[in-house]
Amino acid sequence: MSESLRIAMIQDDWWPRTGGGPVHVKELSVALAERFDHTIDIYTRALKKDGSSHTKTETFANGKVRVHRLKPSTEYWNPIGRVASLGTPIPHLLTEEFDIVHGHTFLPAVPTRTAGTFTDAATVFTVHGTALNSGVGRDESALAGIKRRLERLFVLNFDYDHVISVNTEHLDLLGDHHEDLSCVPNGVNLERFDVDVDRRDEILFLGRLAPKKRVSDLIDAFARIADEIPETDLVIVGTGPKGDELKAQAAQTAVSDRIHFEGRVSDEAIPRYYRRARLFVLPSVWEGHPLTLLEAWAGEVPVITSDVEGIGEFVEHEETGYLVPSESPQELREAIRYALDNPEESRAWAANAYELVSDEYSWEGVADRTNRIYQDITSDR
């Protein structure tokens, strides 16, 4: 029987900003608390969005999981807030007695490493995704070079007791710098996607409107094929730095009235978008292990996605989805045409994927594998 532990999780962003990181940390923490009776404190940033500050402490799992939103409260991309997040968790980590400090890419590397230096806590660091292998689609800002050097320092050159990657494609890179290394993929809560919604003639993208996602390729592909599928609309759910540019691109097409930007939607609404779609398309140039892929599988919607790092290793072509080269709107268009012209086959991809995600990607399984790492590194100390 495993020993109950006190764990600090450090996560850069939290709700109302949505993304794979907050979902991963919340679901993993709840599963660890419920299955192993661990007590978990999540330290994250107090965020401001649409004029409202989100600073309230939250609890889950009958109080075993607590979320601390540390001030200052700023918009997510505010540089003062981002820099402050490097230090605000540290007083808590130094004054509380934690068995494990578990940081999640990549700014939380600083407080995680600090705790490893100045306390008796063991440190774990999860790499959710990194462009250090390829550098494509990562960042288009003026500070991209500085951010990349910091990421290399935090991910590769800081010492941790154990490093976790959510995919196997990062293992070679990480293995050159870290001895204790594991792959533990993301999970998904199947019950959340068990909603009764009729399918619609919709192609869905759901995720951050960021450069690496290449939503522009999907808009291009849809515009090229739209005349052949006059009853089908393109639905884009999410926000991000490419939002205005993508809306401008859509407005220049002849089918702008059939391209719908839904913005940020509630967590409760997300399963309904998957359940009602005919296809889910993820045209990224790289990923870590996208939660949206698992969510689409849980929603039993056929998936078309890029054969790239963080995706190709999880999707079996024409068995659990359809793989296309990245940055190729023409091949993406052909894949959409094929899936819609062969509905029985595409539904079979979805059925196979649902079986796969049911068997291999539960949060309980992710928690079991993570807990084994925790027990190993604490028993060695």
Protein backbone atom coordinates (compact mmCIF):
# COMPACT_ATOMS: atom_id res chain seq x y z
CA MET A 1 0.00 0.00 0.00
CA SER A 2 1.39 3.41 -0.99
CA GLU A 3 2.17 6.10 1.55
CA SER A 4 -0.02 9.21 1.66
CA LEU A 5 1.96 12.27 0.62
CA ARG A 6 1.69 16.04 0.75
CA ILE A 7 2.21 17.40 -2.73
CA ALA A 8 2.64 20.87 -4.20
CA MET A 9 1.61 21.23 -7.84
CA ILE A 10 2.75 24.37 -9.64
CA GLN A 11 0.85 25.39 -12.77
CA ASP A 12 1.32 28.61 -14.75
CA ASP A 13 -2.27 29.22 -15.84
CA TRP A 14 -5.74 28.41 -14.56
CA TRP A 15 -9.34 29.15 -15.29
CA PRO A 16 -10.84 31.34 -16.78
CA ARG A 17 -7.98 30.75 -19.23
CA THR A 18 -8.63 27.33 -20.70
CA GLY A 19 -6.13 24.83 -22.02
CA GLY A 20 -4.62 21.42 -21.53
CA GLY A 21 -2.38 22.41 -18.62
CA PRO A 22 -5.09 23.37 -16.11
CA VAL A 23 -7.20 20.34 -17.06
CA HIS A 24 -4.25 18.00 -16.63
CA VAL A 25 -3.23 19.37 -13.22
CA LYS A 26 -6.79 19.46 -11.86
CA GLU A 27 -7.80 15.99 -13.05
CA LEU A 28 -4.50 14.41 -12.00
CA SER A 29 -4.66 16.04 -8.56
CA VAL A 30 -8.23 14.91 -7.93
CA ALA A 31 -7.43 11.35 -9.01
CA LEU A 32 -4.32 11.25 -6.80
CA ALA A 33 -6.31 12.51 -3.81
CA GLU A 34 -9.20 10.12 -4.30
CA ARG A 35 -7.14 7.02 -5.07
CA PHE A 36 -4.19 7.47 -2.70
CA ASP A 37 -5.39 9.95 -0.07
CA HIS A 38 -2.69 12.45 -0.98
CA THR A 39 -3.14 16.09 0.03
CA ILE A 40 -2.41 18.46 -2.84
CA ASP A 41 -1.91 22.21 -2.93
CA ILE A 42 -1.98 23.71 -6.42
CA TYR A 43 -0.18 27.05 -6.73
CA THR A 44 -1.08 29.11 -9.78
CA ARG A 45 -1.49 32.71 -10.83
CA ALA A 46 -4.35 35.04 -9.95
CA LEU A 47 -5.63 36.05 -13.37
CA LYS A 48 -7.62 38.98 -14.66
CA LYS A 49 -9.91 38.53 -17.64
CA ASP A 50 -12.57 40.78 -19.13
CA GLY A 51 -12.14 43.20 -16.24
CA SER A 52 -12.70 40.58 -13.51
CA SER A 53 -10.01 39.33 -11.14
CA HIS A 54 -9.98 35.65 -10.24
CA THR A 55 -8.29 35.27 -6.85
CA LYS A 56 -10.55 32.93 -4.88
CA THR A 57 -9.16 29.72 -3.38
CA GLU A 58 -10.92 26.59 -4.65
CA THR A 59 -11.17 23.10 -3.20
CA PHE A 60 -11.88 19.71 -4.76
CA ALA A 61 -11.94 16.07 -3.65
CA ASN A 62 -13.55 16.84 -0.27
CA GLY A 63 -10.94 19.45 0.51
CA LYS A 64 -7.93 17.24 -0.27
CA VAL A 65 -7.08 19.42 -3.30
CA ARG A 66 -6.73 23.18 -2.82
CA VAL A 67 -6.05 25.74 -5.55
CA HIS A 68 -4.21 28.89 -4.42
CA ARG A 69 -4.30 31.79 -6.87
CA LEU A 70 -1.28 33.93 -6.05
CA LYS A 71 -1.31 37.69 -6.67
CA PRO A 72 -0.63 39.97 -8.46
CA SER A 73 -3.79 39.52 -10.52
CA THR A 74 -2.99 40.35 -14.14
CA GLU A 75 -3.99 39.36 -17.64
CA TYR A 76 -2.24 36.12 -18.55
CA TRP A 77 0.27 37.62 -21.00
CA ASN A 78 1.06 40.60 -18.76
CA PRO A 79 4.86 40.53 -18.32
CA ILE A 80 4.68 41.64 -14.67
CA GLY A 81 2.35 38.74 -13.87
CA ARG A 82 4.49 36.23 -15.73
CA VAL A 83 7.72 37.33 -14.08
CA ALA A 84 6.07 37.48 -10.66
CA SER A 85 4.89 33.87 -11.05
CA LEU A 86 8.52 32.76 -10.97
CA GLY A 87 8.71 33.81 -7.34
CA THR A 88 5.26 33.91 -5.76
CA PRO A 89 5.03 30.16 -5.00
CA ILE A 90 8.48 30.06 -3.39
CA PRO A 91 7.56 31.34 0.12
CA HIS A 92 4.86 28.66 0.34
CA LEU A 93 7.24 25.93 -0.82
CA LEU A 94 9.91 26.97 1.69
CA THR A 95 7.62 27.30 4.70
CA GLU A 96 5.30 24.32 4.16
CA GLU A 97 6.55 20.76 4.49
CA PHE A 98 5.90 19.04 1.17
CA ASP A 99 7.02 15.55 0.23
CA ILE A 100 6.80 16.30 -3.49
CA VAL A 101 6.97 19.51 -5.52
CA HIS A 102 5.66 18.85 -9.02
CA GLY A 103 6.04 21.60 -11.63
CA HIS A 104 4.39 21.75 -15.03
CA THR A 105 6.07 23.39 -18.04
CA PHE A 106 7.72 25.75 -18.18
CA LEU A 107 7.85 28.85 -15.94
CA PRO A 108 7.02 26.74 -12.84
CA ALA A 109 10.46 25.18 -13.33
CA VAL A 110 11.95 28.04 -11.29
CA PRO A 111 10.00 27.53 -8.05
CA THR A 112 10.23 23.75 -8.52
CA ARG A 113 14.01 23.87 -8.78
CA THR A 114 14.22 26.32 -5.87
CA ALA A 115 12.27 23.93 -3.67
CA GLY A 116 14.61 21.13 -4.67
CA THR A 117 17.60 23.20 -3.60
CA PHE A 118 16.37 24.59 -0.28
CA THR A 119 13.95 21.97 1.07
CA ASP A 120 13.83 18.21 1.60
CA ALA A 121 11.03 17.80 -0.97
CA ALA A 122 11.57 15.59 -4.00
CA THR A 123 10.99 17.34 -7.33
CA VAL A 124 9.11 16.18 -10.40
CA PHE A 125 8.82 18.18 -13.60
CA THR A 126 6.32 17.42 -16.39
CA VAL A 127 7.09 18.51 -19.95
CA HIS A 128 3.70 18.97 -21.63
CA GLY A 129 5.19 20.10 -24.91
CA THR A 130 8.27 21.78 -26.25
CA ALA A 131 9.43 23.03 -29.64
CA LEU A 132 13.08 22.54 -28.67
CA ASN A 133 13.18 19.57 -31.04
CA SER A 134 12.00 21.49 -34.08
CA GLY A 135 11.26 25.11 -33.27
CA VAL A 136 8.38 25.27 -35.75
CA GLY A 137 5.23 27.18 -34.93
CA ARG A 138 6.45 28.11 -31.50
CA ASP A 139 6.47 31.85 -31.05
CA GLU A 140 6.34 34.80 -33.41
CA SER A 141 7.06 37.55 -30.87
CA ALA A 142 10.12 39.77 -30.69
CA LEU A 143 11.23 37.96 -27.53
CA ALA A 144 10.99 34.48 -29.07
CA GLY A 145 14.76 33.92 -28.98
CA ILE A 146 15.02 34.83 -25.29
CA LYS A 147 12.04 32.65 -24.41
CA ARG A 148 13.59 29.73 -26.27
CA ARG A 149 16.86 30.06 -24.36
CA LEU A 150 14.96 30.19 -21.07
CA GLU A 151 12.95 27.13 -22.04
CA ARG A 152 16.13 25.24 -22.81
CA LEU A 153 17.54 26.22 -19.42
CA PHE A 154 14.39 25.34 -17.47
CA VAL A 155 13.53 22.11 -19.31
CA LEU A 156 16.95 20.66 -20.04
CA ASN A 157 19.47 22.13 -17.63
CA PHE A 158 17.66 22.32 -14.31
CA ASP A 159 18.02 19.20 -12.14
CA TYR A 160 14.94 17.33 -10.93
CA ASP A 161 14.51 14.01 -9.16
CA HIS A 162 12.28 12.82 -12.00
CA VAL A 163 11.14 14.21 -15.35
CA ILE A 164 7.88 13.20 -17.03
CA SER A 165 7.10 13.69 -20.72
CA VAL A 166 3.55 13.37 -22.02
CA ASN A 167 4.85 11.80 -25.23
CA THR A 168 7.71 9.50 -26.23
CA GLU A 169 9.09 11.81 -28.91
CA HIS A 170 10.63 14.10 -26.29
CA LEU A 171 12.41 11.25 -24.53
CA ASP A 172 15.60 11.27 -26.63
CA LEU A 173 16.07 15.02 -26.14
CA LEU A 174 15.28 14.87 -22.43
CA GLY A 175 17.33 11.72 -21.95
CA ASP A 176 20.49 13.58 -22.96
CA HIS A 177 20.03 15.81 -19.89
CA HIS A 178 18.07 13.81 -17.30
CA GLU A 179 18.67 10.31 -15.92
CA ASP A 180 15.29 9.58 -14.29
CA LEU A 181 12.72 9.92 -17.01
CA SER A 182 9.26 8.50 -17.79
CA CYS A 183 6.48 8.94 -20.33
CA VAL A 184 3.05 9.42 -18.76
CA PRO A 185 0.48 10.63 -21.33
CA ASN A 186 -2.56 12.76 -20.66
CA GLY A 187 -5.91 11.34 -19.65
CA VAL A 188 -9.56 12.11 -20.16
CA ASN A 189 -12.74 11.87 -18.08
CA LEU A 190 -15.11 9.78 -20.21
CA GLU A 191 -18.16 10.49 -18.07
CA ARG A 192 -17.86 14.19 -18.86
CA PHE A 193 -18.50 13.46 -22.54
CA ASP A 194 -21.51 11.21 -22.01
CA VAL A 195 -24.05 13.81 -23.17
CA ASP A 196 -27.08 13.33 -25.40
CA VAL A 197 -26.64 15.64 -28.39
CA ASP A 198 -27.66 15.10 -32.02
CA ARG A 199 -24.95 15.24 -34.65
CA ARG A 200 -24.88 18.27 -36.90
CA ASP A 201 -23.18 18.92 -40.22
CA GLU A 202 -20.24 20.65 -38.55
CA ILE A 203 -16.48 20.42 -38.77
CA LEU A 204 -14.97 21.37 -35.43
CA PHE A 205 -11.71 22.88 -34.26
CA LEU A 206 -11.41 23.41 -30.52
CA GLY A 207 -8.27 24.80 -28.92
CA ARG A 208 -5.97 27.79 -28.60
CA LEU A 209 -5.84 30.04 -31.66
CA ALA A 210 -2.04 29.96 -31.55
CA PRO A 211 0.55 29.79 -34.35
CA LYS A 212 1.36 26.11 -33.86
CA LYS A 213 -2.29 25.08 -34.31
CA ARG A 214 -2.37 26.23 -37.97
CA VAL A 215 -6.10 26.93 -37.95
CA SER A 216 -5.43 29.03 -41.05
CA ASP A 217 -4.83 25.78 -42.95
CA LEU A 218 -8.23 24.47 -41.86
CA ILE A 219 -9.99 27.66 -42.99
CA ASP A 220 -8.18 27.43 -46.32
CA ALA A 221 -9.10 23.75 -46.73
CA PHE A 222 -12.72 24.37 -45.81
CA ALA A 223 -13.03 27.28 -48.24
CA ARG A 224 -11.70 25.06 -51.04
CA ILE A 225 -14.19 22.27 -50.41
CA ALA A 226 -17.20 24.23 -49.14
CA ASP A 227 -19.09 24.17 -52.46
CA GLU A 228 -19.01 20.35 -52.37
CA ILE A 229 -20.49 20.20 -48.85
CA PRO A 230 -23.07 23.02 -48.88
CA GLU A 231 -24.84 21.84 -45.72
CA THR A 232 -21.66 21.75 -43.61
CA ASP A 233 -20.31 24.57 -41.46
CA LEU A 234 -16.90 25.11 -39.84
CA VAL A 235 -17.04 25.81 -36.10
CA ILE A 236 -13.94 27.24 -34.37
CA VAL A 237 -13.97 27.23 -30.57
CA GLY A 238 -11.25 29.02 -28.62
CA THR A 239 -9.30 32.24 -28.27
CA GLY A 240 -5.68 33.19 -28.77
CA PRO A 241 -3.17 35.50 -30.41
CA LYS A 242 -4.18 34.48 -33.95
CA GLY A 243 -7.88 35.18 -33.39
CA ASP A 244 -8.18 38.50 -35.23
CA GLU A 245 -6.00 37.32 -38.11
CA LEU A 246 -8.08 34.15 -38.55
CA LYS A 247 -11.35 36.10 -38.50
CA ALA A 248 -9.96 38.40 -41.19
CA GLN A 249 -8.94 35.37 -43.26
CA ALA A 250 -12.41 33.84 -42.93
CA ALA A 251 -14.08 37.14 -43.89
CA GLN A 252 -12.19 37.12 -47.19
CA THR A 253 -13.58 33.73 -48.22
CA ALA A 254 -16.78 33.24 -50.21
CA VAL A 255 -18.20 31.17 -47.34
CA SER A 256 -17.57 33.48 -44.40
CA ASP A 257 -21.18 33.03 -43.26
CA ARG A 258 -20.47 29.32 -42.73
CA ILE A 259 -17.34 29.83 -40.59
CA HIS A 260 -18.34 30.43 -36.98
CA PHE A 261 -15.98 31.71 -34.27
CA GLU A 262 -17.46 30.74 -30.92
CA GLY A 263 -14.72 32.25 -28.73
CA ARG A 264 -14.19 30.86 -25.25
CA VAL A 265 -17.00 28.58 -24.10
CA SER A 266 -17.76 27.12 -20.69
CA ASP A 267 -16.33 23.80 -19.57
CA GLU A 268 -19.87 22.46 -19.45
CA ALA A 269 -20.45 23.34 -23.12
CA ILE A 270 -17.28 21.71 -24.49
CA PRO A 271 -18.55 18.09 -24.56
CA ARG A 272 -21.61 19.17 -26.57
CA TYR A 273 -19.43 20.68 -29.29
CA TYR A 274 -17.59 17.39 -29.73
CA ARG A 275 -20.76 15.31 -29.60
CA ARG A 276 -22.54 17.33 -32.28
CA ALA A 277 -19.63 17.50 -34.79
CA ARG A 278 -19.22 15.25 -37.83
CA LEU A 279 -15.45 15.73 -37.80
CA PHE A 280 -12.84 17.14 -35.45
CA VAL A 281 -9.76 18.59 -37.17
CA LEU A 282 -6.46 19.40 -35.44
CA PRO A 283 -3.93 20.70 -38.03
CA SER A 284 -1.05 21.54 -35.64
CA VAL A 285 2.62 21.58 -36.60
CA TRP A 286 3.58 20.06 -33.22
CA GLU A 287 1.99 19.12 -29.92
CA GLY A 288 2.89 17.59 -26.58
CA HIS A 289 -0.01 15.19 -26.20
CA PRO A 290 -3.12 17.24 -27.02
CA LEU A 291 -6.01 16.82 -24.63
CA THR A 292 -8.34 17.87 -27.42
CA LEU A 293 -7.44 14.67 -29.27
CA LEU A 294 -8.48 12.57 -26.28
CA GLU A 295 -11.60 14.69 -25.81
CA ALA A 296 -12.61 14.17 -29.43
CA TRP A 297 -12.13 10.42 -29.00
CA ALA A 298 -14.20 10.53 -25.80
CA GLY A 299 -16.89 12.41 -27.75
CA GLU A 300 -16.85 9.66 -30.43
CA VAL A 301 -16.20 12.11 -33.26
CA PRO A 302 -13.92 11.10 -36.15
CA VAL A 303 -10.54 12.86 -36.06
CA ILE A 304 -8.39 14.29 -38.85
CA THR A 305 -5.03 15.53 -37.61
CA SER A 306 -1.41 16.18 -38.52
CA ASP A 307 1.22 13.45 -38.56
CA VAL A 308 3.61 15.42 -36.36
CA GLU A 309 5.40 15.24 -33.01
CA GLY A 310 3.00 14.65 -30.14
CA ILE A 311 0.20 13.35 -32.39
CA GLY A 312 1.53 10.75 -34.84
CA GLU A 313 2.61 8.35 -32.10
CA PHE A 314 -0.91 8.22 -30.65
CA VAL A 315 -3.05 8.00 -33.81
CA GLU A 316 -3.13 4.92 -36.03
CA HIS A 317 -3.92 6.07 -39.56
CA GLU A 318 -7.37 4.96 -40.76
CA GLU A 319 -7.88 3.02 -37.53
CA THR A 320 -8.29 5.67 -34.81
CA GLY A 321 -8.14 8.74 -37.05
CA TYR A 322 -6.82 10.09 -40.32
CA LEU A 323 -3.29 11.54 -40.51
CA VAL A 324 -2.18 14.21 -42.98
CA PRO A 325 1.08 16.13 -43.46
CA SER A 326 1.17 19.43 -41.60
CA GLU A 327 0.97 22.78 -43.38
CA SER A 328 -0.84 21.26 -46.37
CA PRO A 329 -4.35 22.70 -46.84
CA GLN A 330 -4.78 20.73 -50.06
CA GLU A 331 -4.17 17.37 -48.37
CA LEU A 332 -6.31 18.47 -45.44
CA ARG A 333 -9.11 19.20 -47.91
CA GLU A 334 -8.76 15.74 -49.44
CA ALA A 335 -8.89 14.15 -46.00
CA ILE A 336 -12.09 16.03 -45.12
CA ARG A 337 -13.64 14.99 -48.42
CA TYR A 338 -12.66 11.35 -47.84
CA ALA A 339 -14.07 11.29 -44.31
CA LEU A 340 -17.38 12.87 -45.31
CA ASP A 341 -17.71 10.67 -48.41
CA ASN A 342 -17.08 7.52 -46.33
CA PRO A 343 -19.18 8.01 -43.18
CA GLU A 344 -19.22 4.34 -42.16
CA GLU A 345 -15.42 4.20 -42.29
CA SER A 346 -14.96 7.46 -40.41
CA ARG A 347 -17.43 6.33 -37.76
CA ALA A 348 -15.33 3.17 -37.37
CA TRP A 349 -12.27 5.36 -36.62
CA ALA A 350 -14.29 7.04 -33.90
CA ALA A 351 -15.48 3.74 -32.43
CA ASN A 352 -11.94 2.32 -32.38
CA ALA A 353 -10.62 5.52 -30.79
CA TYR A 354 -13.31 5.45 -28.10
CA GLU A 355 -12.33 1.91 -27.20
CA LEU A 356 -8.66 2.93 -27.09
CA VAL A 357 -9.22 5.95 -24.88
CA SER A 358 -11.45 3.90 -22.57
CA ASP A 359 -8.73 1.27 -22.12
CA GLU A 360 -5.57 3.37 -21.96
CA TYR A 361 -6.18 7.03 -21.17
CA SER A 362 -8.20 7.28 -17.97
CA TRP A 363 -7.10 9.80 -15.34
CA GLU A 364 -7.09 6.95 -12.85
CA GLY A 365 -4.42 5.22 -14.92
CA VAL A 366 -2.42 8.45 -15.21
CA ALA A 367 -2.63 8.87 -11.42
CA ASP A 368 -1.48 5.27 -10.85
CA ARG A 369 1.61 5.77 -12.99
CA THR A 370 2.39 9.14 -11.42
CA ASN A 371 1.98 7.75 -7.92
CA ARG A 372 4.48 4.97 -8.64
CA ILE A 373 7.00 7.67 -9.56
CA TYR A 374 6.23 9.55 -6.35
CA GLN A 375 6.67 6.44 -4.20
CA ASP A 376 9.95 5.52 -5.91
CA ILE A 377 11.61 8.91 -5.49
CA THR A 378 10.45 9.44 -1.91
CA SER A 379 11.59 5.97 -0.83
CA ASP A 380 15.08 6.76 -2.15
CA ARG A 381 15.45 9.92 -0.04
